[in-house]
């Protein structure tokens, strides 16, 4: 039974990859598995995978040029039993979270989707952060869902030193970033 489930799961991932990112270049892959939060995700082999920095970032992977990244955050819910992500967070809450800390953030697009049969929120935004006289711009796509009383969020981003080049960087990396997001699996599903 487990073998059939694994084969079905693997077939589903291949189908998702081919449907969501048909123009993405095929590359060697590196499986990251987290036993504490029971998930796995596949990063391109050439990307630098590191333990997340910050309170809730579990894992982060950087492209060889450091122009793009993908990360997974896991945050425990304060109220147990909540199933609907939109009851906990909105696109506006995400933007406000950045602007309240002095960053520039502009909502580009948002909507609801599903993520391994869990209701999910998809938010795309432009972020600008200034530090030591320099400003960096990133285009970010965040997909968040509730699973077993935790908010799991996949964060995809690409950036540069101007808004225009940040949008160009995201457009270049988007097919591969979507492929990374599509590889995410709840292993206790």
N, C-alpha and C. Protein backbone atom coordinates (compact mmCIF):
# COMPACT_ATOMS: atom_id res chain seq x y z
N UNK A 1 0.83 -1.20 0.00
CA UNK A 1 0.00 0.00 0.00
C UNK A 1 0.87 1.26 0.00
N UNK A 2 1.95 1.27 0.85
CA UNK A 2 2.82 2.44 0.90
C UNK A 2 3.52 2.65 -0.44
N UNK A 3 3.90 1.56 -1.12
CA UNK A 3 4.57 1.69 -2.41
C UNK A 3 3.64 2.33 -3.42
N UNK A 4 2.37 1.89 -3.46
CA UNK A 4 1.40 2.47 -4.38
C UNK A 4 1.19 3.95 -4.07
N UNK A 5 1.12 4.30 -2.79
CA UNK A 5 0.93 5.70 -2.39
C UNK A 5 2.13 6.53 -2.82
N UNK A 6 3.35 5.98 -2.62
CA UNK A 6 4.55 6.72 -3.01
C UNK A 6 4.60 6.91 -4.51
N UNK A 7 4.28 5.85 -5.27
CA UNK A 7 4.29 5.96 -6.74
C UNK A 7 3.25 6.96 -7.19
N UNK A 8 2.07 6.93 -6.58
CA UNK A 8 1.03 7.89 -6.94
C UNK A 8 1.47 9.31 -6.60
N UNK A 9 2.10 9.49 -5.45
CA UNK A 9 2.59 10.79 -5.04
C UNK A 9 3.67 11.28 -6.00
N UNK A 10 4.60 10.40 -6.34
CA UNK A 10 5.67 10.77 -7.28
C UNK A 10 5.07 11.15 -8.64
N UNK A 11 4.08 10.39 -9.10
CA UNK A 11 3.43 10.71 -10.37
C UNK A 11 2.74 12.06 -10.31
N UNK A 12 2.10 12.35 -9.18
CA UNK A 12 1.43 13.63 -9.01
C UNK A 12 2.43 14.77 -9.05
N UNK A 13 3.58 14.62 -8.42
CA UNK A 13 4.61 15.67 -8.42
C UNK A 13 5.11 15.90 -9.83
N UNK A 14 5.37 14.83 -10.57
CA UNK A 14 5.82 14.98 -11.96
C UNK A 14 4.76 15.71 -12.77
N UNK A 15 3.49 15.35 -12.59
CA UNK A 15 2.41 16.01 -13.30
C UNK A 15 2.34 17.49 -12.93
N UNK A 16 2.47 17.81 -11.65
CA UNK A 16 2.46 19.21 -11.22
C UNK A 16 3.61 19.97 -11.85
N UNK A 17 4.81 19.38 -11.84
CA UNK A 17 5.97 20.04 -12.44
C UNK A 17 5.72 20.35 -13.91
N UNK A 18 5.24 19.38 -14.64
CA UNK A 18 5.07 19.58 -16.08
C UNK A 18 3.96 20.57 -16.37
N UNK A 19 2.95 20.62 -15.51
CA UNK A 19 1.84 21.55 -15.74
C UNK A 19 2.17 22.97 -15.27
N UNK A 20 2.78 23.10 -14.09
CA UNK A 20 3.02 24.41 -13.52
C UNK A 20 4.23 25.12 -14.10
N UNK A 21 5.20 24.38 -14.52
CA UNK A 21 6.43 25.02 -15.01
C UNK A 21 6.94 24.33 -16.28
N UNK A 22 6.16 24.37 -17.37
CA UNK A 22 6.55 23.64 -18.56
C UNK A 22 7.83 24.16 -19.21
N UNK A 23 8.20 25.43 -18.99
CA UNK A 23 9.38 26.00 -19.62
C UNK A 23 10.60 25.99 -18.71
N UNK A 24 10.47 25.46 -17.52
CA UNK A 24 11.60 25.43 -16.59
C UNK A 24 12.65 24.46 -17.09
N UNK A 25 13.90 24.85 -16.96
CA UNK A 25 15.00 23.98 -17.37
C UNK A 25 15.08 22.80 -16.42
N UNK A 26 15.34 21.63 -16.97
CA UNK A 26 15.52 20.45 -16.14
C UNK A 26 16.91 20.53 -15.52
N UNK A 27 16.99 20.31 -14.23
CA UNK A 27 18.29 20.37 -13.57
C UNK A 27 18.34 19.31 -12.48
N UNK A 28 19.54 19.05 -12.01
CA UNK A 28 19.70 18.11 -10.92
C UNK A 28 19.00 18.68 -9.70
N UNK A 29 18.54 17.80 -8.83
CA UNK A 29 17.73 18.25 -7.70
C UNK A 29 18.30 17.74 -6.39
N UNK A 30 18.01 18.49 -5.33
CA UNK A 30 18.42 18.10 -3.99
C UNK A 30 17.19 18.08 -3.10
N UNK A 31 16.89 16.92 -2.53
CA UNK A 31 15.74 16.77 -1.65
C UNK A 31 16.11 17.24 -0.25
N UNK A 32 15.30 18.13 0.29
CA UNK A 32 15.44 18.55 1.69
C UNK A 32 14.26 17.97 2.44
N UNK A 33 14.53 17.29 3.54
CA UNK A 33 13.46 16.70 4.34
C UNK A 33 13.58 17.22 5.76
N UNK A 34 12.44 17.64 6.33
CA UNK A 34 12.42 18.12 7.70
C UNK A 34 11.56 17.19 8.53
N UNK A 35 12.18 16.50 9.47
CA UNK A 35 11.45 15.53 10.28
C UNK A 35 10.65 16.19 11.40
N UNK A 36 11.09 17.36 11.87
CA UNK A 36 10.36 18.04 12.94
C UNK A 36 8.99 18.50 12.47
N UNK A 37 8.93 19.09 11.27
CA UNK A 37 7.67 19.62 10.75
C UNK A 37 7.06 18.75 9.66
N UNK A 38 7.66 17.61 9.39
CA UNK A 38 7.11 16.59 8.49
C UNK A 38 6.81 17.10 7.09
N UNK A 39 7.83 17.68 6.45
CA UNK A 39 7.67 18.08 5.05
C UNK A 39 8.96 17.83 4.30
N UNK A 40 8.83 17.81 2.99
CA UNK A 40 10.01 17.76 2.13
C UNK A 40 9.80 18.72 0.97
N UNK A 41 10.90 19.15 0.38
CA UNK A 41 10.88 20.08 -0.74
C UNK A 41 12.14 19.82 -1.56
N UNK A 42 12.04 20.02 -2.85
CA UNK A 42 13.18 19.77 -3.73
C UNK A 42 13.73 21.10 -4.24
N UNK A 43 15.03 21.30 -4.03
CA UNK A 43 15.72 22.49 -4.51
C UNK A 43 16.65 22.10 -5.66
N UNK A 44 16.95 23.01 -6.57
CA UNK A 44 17.96 22.72 -7.59
C UNK A 44 19.29 22.39 -6.93
N UNK A 45 19.99 21.43 -7.47
CA UNK A 45 21.24 20.96 -6.87
C UNK A 45 22.30 22.06 -6.76
N UNK A 46 22.28 23.00 -7.69
CA UNK A 46 23.30 24.06 -7.68
C UNK A 46 23.01 25.16 -6.67
N UNK A 47 21.83 25.11 -6.05
CA UNK A 47 21.47 26.13 -5.07
C UNK A 47 22.09 25.79 -3.72
N UNK A 48 22.42 26.83 -2.96
CA UNK A 48 22.97 26.66 -1.63
C UNK A 48 21.82 26.53 -0.64
N UNK A 49 21.69 25.37 -0.03
CA UNK A 49 20.62 25.10 0.94
C UNK A 49 21.19 25.31 2.33
N UNK A 50 20.49 26.11 3.13
CA UNK A 50 20.97 26.40 4.47
C UNK A 50 19.83 26.42 5.47
N UNK A 51 20.17 26.16 6.70
CA UNK A 51 19.19 26.27 7.78
C UNK A 51 18.72 27.71 7.81
N UNK A 52 17.43 27.90 8.01
CA UNK A 52 16.89 29.24 7.99
C UNK A 52 17.41 30.11 9.11
N UNK A 53 17.55 31.39 8.79
CA UNK A 53 17.88 32.38 9.81
C UNK A 53 16.59 33.06 10.21
N UNK A 54 16.48 33.42 11.42
CA UNK A 54 15.26 34.05 11.90
C UNK A 54 14.44 33.05 12.69
N UNK A 55 13.43 33.55 13.33
CA UNK A 55 12.65 32.75 14.26
C UNK A 55 11.93 31.58 13.61
N UNK A 56 11.29 31.81 12.46
CA UNK A 56 10.42 30.77 11.90
C UNK A 56 10.90 30.21 10.56
N UNK A 57 11.99 30.72 10.01
CA UNK A 57 12.48 30.22 8.73
C UNK A 57 13.18 28.87 8.98
N UNK A 58 12.62 27.81 8.42
CA UNK A 58 13.15 26.47 8.65
C UNK A 58 14.30 26.17 7.68
N UNK A 59 14.12 26.52 6.41
CA UNK A 59 15.13 26.25 5.40
C UNK A 59 15.07 27.34 4.33
N UNK A 60 16.23 27.65 3.77
CA UNK A 60 16.30 28.64 2.70
C UNK A 60 17.32 28.15 1.68
N UNK A 61 17.00 28.34 0.41
CA UNK A 61 17.93 27.97 -0.66
C UNK A 61 18.17 29.19 -1.54
N UNK A 62 19.43 29.41 -1.89
CA UNK A 62 19.82 30.56 -2.72
C UNK A 62 20.37 30.08 -4.05
N UNK A 63 19.99 30.78 -5.12
CA UNK A 63 20.53 30.46 -6.44
C UNK A 63 22.03 30.75 -6.44
N UNK A 64 22.79 30.17 -7.38
CA UNK A 64 24.24 30.41 -7.41
C UNK A 64 24.61 31.89 -7.49
N UNK A 65 23.78 32.70 -8.15
CA UNK A 65 24.06 34.14 -8.26
C UNK A 65 23.53 34.92 -7.07
N UNK A 66 22.82 34.25 -6.17
CA UNK A 66 22.17 34.87 -5.00
C UNK A 66 21.07 35.86 -5.41
N UNK A 67 20.63 35.76 -6.66
CA UNK A 67 19.60 36.64 -7.19
C UNK A 67 18.19 36.14 -6.84
N UNK A 68 18.05 34.83 -6.60
CA UNK A 68 16.74 34.24 -6.31
C UNK A 68 16.86 33.34 -5.08
N UNK A 69 15.74 33.18 -4.40
CA UNK A 69 15.72 32.30 -3.24
C UNK A 69 14.35 31.68 -3.06
N UNK A 70 14.34 30.57 -2.33
CA UNK A 70 13.09 29.91 -1.93
C UNK A 70 13.28 29.49 -0.48
N UNK A 71 12.26 29.72 0.33
CA UNK A 71 12.36 29.34 1.74
C UNK A 71 11.04 28.80 2.24
N UNK A 72 11.11 28.10 3.36
CA UNK A 72 9.91 27.58 4.03
C UNK A 72 9.93 28.09 5.46
N UNK A 73 8.80 28.69 5.86
CA UNK A 73 8.63 29.10 7.24
C UNK A 73 7.50 28.30 7.87
N UNK A 74 7.61 28.06 9.15
CA UNK A 74 6.57 27.35 9.90
C UNK A 74 6.33 28.12 11.19
N UNK A 75 5.07 28.51 11.40
CA UNK A 75 4.70 29.29 12.57
C UNK A 75 3.55 28.58 13.29
N UNK A 76 3.71 28.28 14.58
CA UNK A 76 2.60 27.66 15.31
C UNK A 76 1.42 28.63 15.44
N UNK A 77 0.22 28.11 15.32
CA UNK A 77 -0.98 28.93 15.49
C UNK A 77 -1.27 29.15 16.96
N UNK A 78 -1.74 30.34 17.27
CA UNK A 78 -2.13 30.62 18.65
C UNK A 78 -3.45 29.95 18.99
N UNK A 79 -4.37 29.92 18.03
CA UNK A 79 -5.68 29.30 18.26
C UNK A 79 -5.71 27.94 17.56
N UNK A 80 -5.77 26.89 18.35
CA UNK A 80 -5.77 25.52 17.82
C UNK A 80 -7.08 25.24 17.09
N UNK A 81 -7.01 24.41 16.07
CA UNK A 81 -8.20 23.98 15.36
C UNK A 81 -8.60 24.85 14.18
N UNK A 82 -7.94 25.98 13.96
CA UNK A 82 -8.25 26.83 12.83
C UNK A 82 -7.83 26.13 11.55
N UNK A 83 -8.69 26.11 10.55
CA UNK A 83 -8.39 25.43 9.29
C UNK A 83 -8.25 26.38 8.12
N UNK A 84 -8.87 27.56 8.21
CA UNK A 84 -8.92 28.47 7.08
C UNK A 84 -7.86 29.56 7.22
N UNK A 85 -6.90 29.57 6.32
CA UNK A 85 -5.80 30.53 6.39
C UNK A 85 -6.30 31.97 6.35
N UNK A 86 -7.39 32.23 5.63
CA UNK A 86 -7.89 33.60 5.52
C UNK A 86 -8.52 34.11 6.82
N UNK A 87 -8.76 33.21 7.78
CA UNK A 87 -9.22 33.65 9.10
C UNK A 87 -8.06 34.15 9.95
N UNK A 88 -6.85 33.82 9.55
CA UNK A 88 -5.66 34.13 10.34
C UNK A 88 -4.86 35.28 9.74
N UNK A 89 -4.76 35.33 8.42
CA UNK A 89 -3.92 36.32 7.76
C UNK A 89 -4.55 36.73 6.43
N UNK A 90 -4.31 37.98 6.06
CA UNK A 90 -4.79 38.50 4.77
C UNK A 90 -3.59 39.06 4.01
N UNK A 91 -3.73 39.28 2.71
CA UNK A 91 -2.64 39.91 1.96
C UNK A 91 -2.23 41.26 2.57
N UNK A 92 -3.20 42.01 3.01
CA UNK A 92 -2.93 43.31 3.63
C UNK A 92 -2.13 43.17 4.92
N UNK A 93 -2.39 42.11 5.68
CA UNK A 93 -1.62 41.85 6.91
C UNK A 93 -0.14 41.61 6.58
N UNK A 94 0.11 40.89 5.51
CA UNK A 94 1.49 40.61 5.11
C UNK A 94 2.21 41.90 4.74
N UNK A 95 1.54 42.74 3.95
CA UNK A 95 2.13 44.03 3.55
C UNK A 95 2.36 44.90 4.78
N UNK A 96 1.37 44.97 5.67
CA UNK A 96 1.49 45.78 6.88
C UNK A 96 2.63 45.28 7.77
N UNK A 97 2.87 43.97 7.79
CA UNK A 97 3.97 43.42 8.57
C UNK A 97 5.32 43.97 8.13
N UNK A 98 5.49 44.18 6.83
CA UNK A 98 6.74 44.76 6.33
C UNK A 98 6.79 46.27 6.54
N UNK A 99 5.72 46.96 6.21
CA UNK A 99 5.74 48.43 6.32
C UNK A 99 5.85 48.88 7.77
N UNK A 100 5.34 48.09 8.71
CA UNK A 100 5.44 48.46 10.13
C UNK A 100 6.89 48.40 10.62
N UNK A 101 7.74 47.70 9.88
CA UNK A 101 9.17 47.61 10.24
C UNK A 101 10.03 48.50 9.33
N UNK A 102 9.39 49.42 8.59
CA UNK A 102 10.13 50.39 7.80
C UNK A 102 10.43 50.01 6.37
N UNK A 103 10.05 48.83 5.96
CA UNK A 103 10.30 48.41 4.57
C UNK A 103 9.21 48.98 3.67
N UNK A 104 9.51 49.08 2.40
CA UNK A 104 8.49 49.43 1.42
C UNK A 104 7.88 48.14 0.90
N UNK A 105 6.57 48.07 0.82
CA UNK A 105 5.90 46.86 0.33
C UNK A 105 4.66 47.25 -0.45
N UNK A 106 4.53 46.69 -1.64
CA UNK A 106 3.39 46.97 -2.51
C UNK A 106 2.77 45.65 -2.93
N UNK A 107 1.49 45.49 -2.68
CA UNK A 107 0.77 44.29 -3.08
C UNK A 107 0.60 44.29 -4.59
N UNK A 108 1.03 43.21 -5.25
CA UNK A 108 0.92 43.10 -6.70
C UNK A 108 -0.25 42.22 -7.13
N UNK A 109 -0.49 41.14 -6.38
CA UNK A 109 -1.54 40.20 -6.74
C UNK A 109 -1.78 39.29 -5.54
N UNK A 110 -3.00 38.78 -5.43
CA UNK A 110 -3.28 37.82 -4.37
C UNK A 110 -4.52 37.02 -4.73
N UNK A 111 -4.69 35.91 -4.06
CA UNK A 111 -5.86 35.09 -4.27
C UNK A 111 -5.80 33.84 -3.42
N UNK A 112 -6.88 33.10 -3.45
CA UNK A 112 -6.93 31.84 -2.72
C UNK A 112 -6.62 30.70 -3.68
N UNK A 113 -6.03 29.66 -3.15
CA UNK A 113 -5.70 28.47 -3.93
C UNK A 113 -5.76 27.28 -2.99
N UNK A 114 -5.33 26.13 -3.43
CA UNK A 114 -5.22 24.98 -2.54
C UNK A 114 -3.78 24.50 -2.56
N UNK A 115 -3.39 23.92 -1.45
CA UNK A 115 -2.03 23.45 -1.27
C UNK A 115 -2.12 22.11 -0.56
N UNK A 116 -1.94 21.03 -1.30
CA UNK A 116 -2.13 19.68 -0.79
C UNK A 116 -3.49 19.55 -0.08
N UNK A 117 -4.51 19.97 -0.77
CA UNK A 117 -5.90 19.92 -0.32
C UNK A 117 -6.20 20.84 0.86
N UNK A 118 -5.27 21.66 1.26
CA UNK A 118 -5.50 22.66 2.31
C UNK A 118 -5.79 23.98 1.61
N UNK A 119 -6.74 24.74 2.14
CA UNK A 119 -7.01 26.06 1.60
C UNK A 119 -5.76 26.92 1.81
N UNK A 120 -5.34 27.64 0.77
CA UNK A 120 -4.10 28.40 0.86
C UNK A 120 -4.30 29.82 0.34
N UNK A 121 -3.43 30.69 0.76
CA UNK A 121 -3.41 32.08 0.34
C UNK A 121 -2.14 32.30 -0.48
N UNK A 122 -2.30 32.92 -1.65
CA UNK A 122 -1.17 33.24 -2.53
C UNK A 122 -1.07 34.75 -2.59
N UNK A 123 0.11 35.29 -2.29
CA UNK A 123 0.32 36.73 -2.26
C UNK A 123 1.61 37.05 -3.01
N UNK A 124 1.52 37.98 -3.96
CA UNK A 124 2.70 38.44 -4.70
C UNK A 124 2.88 39.92 -4.39
N UNK A 125 4.11 40.32 -4.04
CA UNK A 125 4.34 41.70 -3.64
C UNK A 125 5.75 42.14 -3.99
N UNK A 126 5.92 43.46 -4.10
CA UNK A 126 7.23 44.08 -4.31
C UNK A 126 7.70 44.59 -2.96
N UNK A 127 8.91 44.25 -2.61
CA UNK A 127 9.47 44.65 -1.32
C UNK A 127 10.73 45.46 -1.56
N UNK A 128 10.89 46.55 -0.82
CA UNK A 128 12.13 47.31 -0.88
C UNK A 128 12.66 47.49 0.54
N UNK A 129 13.94 47.18 0.70
CA UNK A 129 14.58 47.27 2.02
C UNK A 129 15.86 48.07 1.87
N UNK A 130 16.02 49.07 2.72
CA UNK A 130 17.22 49.91 2.70
C UNK A 130 18.10 49.56 3.88
N UNK A 131 19.42 49.53 3.60
CA UNK A 131 20.38 49.20 4.65
C UNK A 131 21.72 49.81 4.27
N UNK A 132 22.29 50.60 5.16
CA UNK A 132 23.60 51.22 4.96
C UNK A 132 23.70 51.97 3.63
N UNK A 133 22.67 52.73 3.33
CA UNK A 133 22.68 53.57 2.13
C UNK A 133 22.35 52.86 0.83
N UNK A 134 22.03 51.58 0.89
CA UNK A 134 21.66 50.83 -0.31
C UNK A 134 20.22 50.36 -0.19
N UNK A 135 19.51 50.30 -1.32
CA UNK A 135 18.16 49.76 -1.34
C UNK A 135 18.13 48.57 -2.27
N UNK A 136 17.53 47.50 -1.79
CA UNK A 136 17.36 46.28 -2.58
C UNK A 136 15.87 46.07 -2.79
N UNK A 137 15.51 45.68 -4.01
CA UNK A 137 14.12 45.41 -4.37
C UNK A 137 13.97 43.92 -4.66
N UNK A 138 12.91 43.32 -4.15
CA UNK A 138 12.62 41.92 -4.47
C UNK A 138 11.15 41.78 -4.83
N UNK A 139 10.89 40.92 -5.79
CA UNK A 139 9.53 40.50 -6.09
C UNK A 139 9.37 39.16 -5.39
N UNK A 140 8.30 39.04 -4.61
CA UNK A 140 8.08 37.87 -3.77
C UNK A 140 6.73 37.24 -4.06
N UNK A 141 6.70 35.93 -4.04
CA UNK A 141 5.44 35.19 -4.10
C UNK A 141 5.42 34.30 -2.88
N UNK A 142 4.36 34.42 -2.09
CA UNK A 142 4.23 33.65 -0.85
C UNK A 142 2.97 32.81 -0.94
N UNK A 143 3.10 31.54 -0.58
CA UNK A 143 1.95 30.63 -0.55
C UNK A 143 1.87 30.09 0.86
N UNK A 144 0.75 30.33 1.54
CA UNK A 144 0.63 29.94 2.94
C UNK A 144 -0.63 29.11 3.16
N UNK A 145 -0.49 28.09 4.00
CA UNK A 145 -1.61 27.22 4.34
C UNK A 145 -1.47 26.75 5.78
N UNK A 146 -2.58 26.34 6.35
CA UNK A 146 -2.57 25.79 7.71
C UNK A 146 -2.57 24.27 7.61
N UNK A 147 -1.68 23.66 8.40
CA UNK A 147 -1.60 22.20 8.45
C UNK A 147 -1.22 21.82 9.87
N UNK A 148 -2.05 21.01 10.52
CA UNK A 148 -1.80 20.55 11.90
C UNK A 148 -1.42 21.71 12.83
N UNK A 149 -2.26 22.74 12.84
CA UNK A 149 -2.12 23.87 13.77
C UNK A 149 -0.82 24.66 13.60
N UNK A 150 -0.30 24.68 12.39
CA UNK A 150 0.86 25.51 12.04
C UNK A 150 0.58 26.18 10.70
N UNK A 151 1.12 27.38 10.52
CA UNK A 151 1.07 28.03 9.21
C UNK A 151 2.38 27.69 8.50
N UNK A 152 2.25 27.01 7.38
CA UNK A 152 3.39 26.70 6.52
C UNK A 152 3.37 27.70 5.38
N UNK A 153 4.52 28.30 5.11
CA UNK A 153 4.59 29.30 4.06
C UNK A 153 5.81 29.02 3.18
N UNK A 154 5.57 28.98 1.88
CA UNK A 154 6.66 28.87 0.92
C UNK A 154 6.86 30.26 0.36
N UNK A 155 8.08 30.74 0.44
CA UNK A 155 8.39 32.10 0.01
C UNK A 155 9.36 32.03 -1.16
N UNK A 156 8.97 32.59 -2.28
CA UNK A 156 9.77 32.58 -3.50
C UNK A 156 10.13 34.02 -3.82
N UNK A 157 11.39 34.30 -4.12
CA UNK A 157 11.75 35.70 -4.39
C UNK A 157 12.93 35.80 -5.34
N UNK A 158 13.00 36.94 -5.99
CA UNK A 158 14.16 37.29 -6.81
C UNK A 158 14.27 38.80 -6.76
N UNK A 159 15.49 39.30 -6.80
CA UNK A 159 15.64 40.74 -6.65
C UNK A 159 16.91 41.30 -7.24
N UNK A 160 17.00 42.63 -7.10
CA UNK A 160 18.14 43.37 -7.63
C UNK A 160 18.15 44.76 -6.99
N UNK A 161 18.96 45.66 -7.56
CA UNK A 161 19.09 46.99 -6.97
C UNK A 161 18.14 48.02 -7.57
N UNK A 162 17.31 47.64 -8.55
CA UNK A 162 16.26 48.54 -9.07
C UNK A 162 14.95 47.76 -9.19
N UNK A 163 13.85 48.50 -9.17
CA UNK A 163 12.55 47.84 -9.32
C UNK A 163 12.47 47.07 -10.63
N UNK A 164 12.89 47.72 -11.72
CA UNK A 164 12.78 47.11 -13.04
C UNK A 164 13.59 45.82 -13.11
N UNK A 165 14.82 45.85 -12.61
CA UNK A 165 15.64 44.64 -12.68
C UNK A 165 15.14 43.57 -11.71
N UNK A 166 14.46 43.95 -10.63
CA UNK A 166 13.86 42.96 -9.73
C UNK A 166 12.73 42.21 -10.45
N UNK A 167 11.90 42.95 -11.18
CA UNK A 167 10.83 42.30 -11.95
C UNK A 167 11.42 41.38 -13.02
N UNK A 168 12.49 41.82 -13.68
CA UNK A 168 13.15 40.99 -14.68
C UNK A 168 13.75 39.74 -14.07
N UNK A 169 14.37 39.89 -12.91
CA UNK A 169 14.97 38.73 -12.23
C UNK A 169 13.89 37.72 -11.84
N UNK A 170 12.77 38.21 -11.33
CA UNK A 170 11.70 37.29 -10.94
C UNK A 170 11.15 36.58 -12.17
N UNK A 171 10.96 37.30 -13.27
CA UNK A 171 10.46 36.69 -14.50
C UNK A 171 11.41 35.59 -14.99
N UNK A 172 12.71 35.82 -14.89
CA UNK A 172 13.70 34.81 -15.31
C UNK A 172 13.64 33.57 -14.43
N UNK A 173 13.48 33.75 -13.14
CA UNK A 173 13.54 32.64 -12.19
C UNK A 173 12.17 32.02 -11.89
N UNK A 174 11.10 32.68 -12.26
CA UNK A 174 9.76 32.23 -11.86
C UNK A 174 9.45 30.78 -12.24
N UNK A 175 9.74 30.31 -13.46
CA UNK A 175 9.43 28.90 -13.75
C UNK A 175 10.11 27.92 -12.80
N UNK A 176 11.36 28.16 -12.47
CA UNK A 176 12.07 27.28 -11.55
C UNK A 176 11.56 27.43 -10.12
N UNK A 177 11.24 28.66 -9.71
CA UNK A 177 10.70 28.88 -8.37
C UNK A 177 9.35 28.17 -8.20
N UNK A 178 8.52 28.20 -9.23
CA UNK A 178 7.23 27.51 -9.17
C UNK A 178 7.45 26.00 -9.09
N UNK A 179 8.44 25.52 -9.80
CA UNK A 179 8.77 24.10 -9.74
C UNK A 179 9.19 23.71 -8.32
N UNK A 180 9.98 24.55 -7.67
CA UNK A 180 10.38 24.29 -6.28
C UNK A 180 9.14 24.25 -5.38
N UNK A 181 8.26 25.23 -5.51
CA UNK A 181 7.04 25.27 -4.69
C UNK A 181 6.18 24.03 -4.93
N UNK A 182 6.07 23.61 -6.18
CA UNK A 182 5.25 22.44 -6.51
C UNK A 182 5.82 21.15 -5.94
N UNK A 183 7.10 21.15 -5.58
CA UNK A 183 7.72 19.94 -5.04
C UNK A 183 7.45 19.76 -3.55
N UNK A 184 6.93 20.78 -2.88
CA UNK A 184 6.70 20.72 -1.45
C UNK A 184 5.66 19.64 -1.14
N UNK A 185 5.95 18.81 -0.13
CA UNK A 185 5.05 17.73 0.26
C UNK A 185 4.92 17.70 1.78
N UNK A 186 3.68 17.63 2.28
CA UNK A 186 3.46 17.32 3.69
C UNK A 186 3.65 15.82 3.82
N UNK A 187 4.59 15.39 4.62
CA UNK A 187 4.88 13.96 4.73
C UNK A 187 4.00 13.26 5.75
N UNK A 188 3.19 14.01 6.47
CA UNK A 188 2.25 13.41 7.41
C UNK A 188 0.81 13.63 6.96
N UNK A 189 0.65 13.83 5.70
CA UNK A 189 -0.66 14.14 5.12
C UNK A 189 -1.53 12.98 5.18
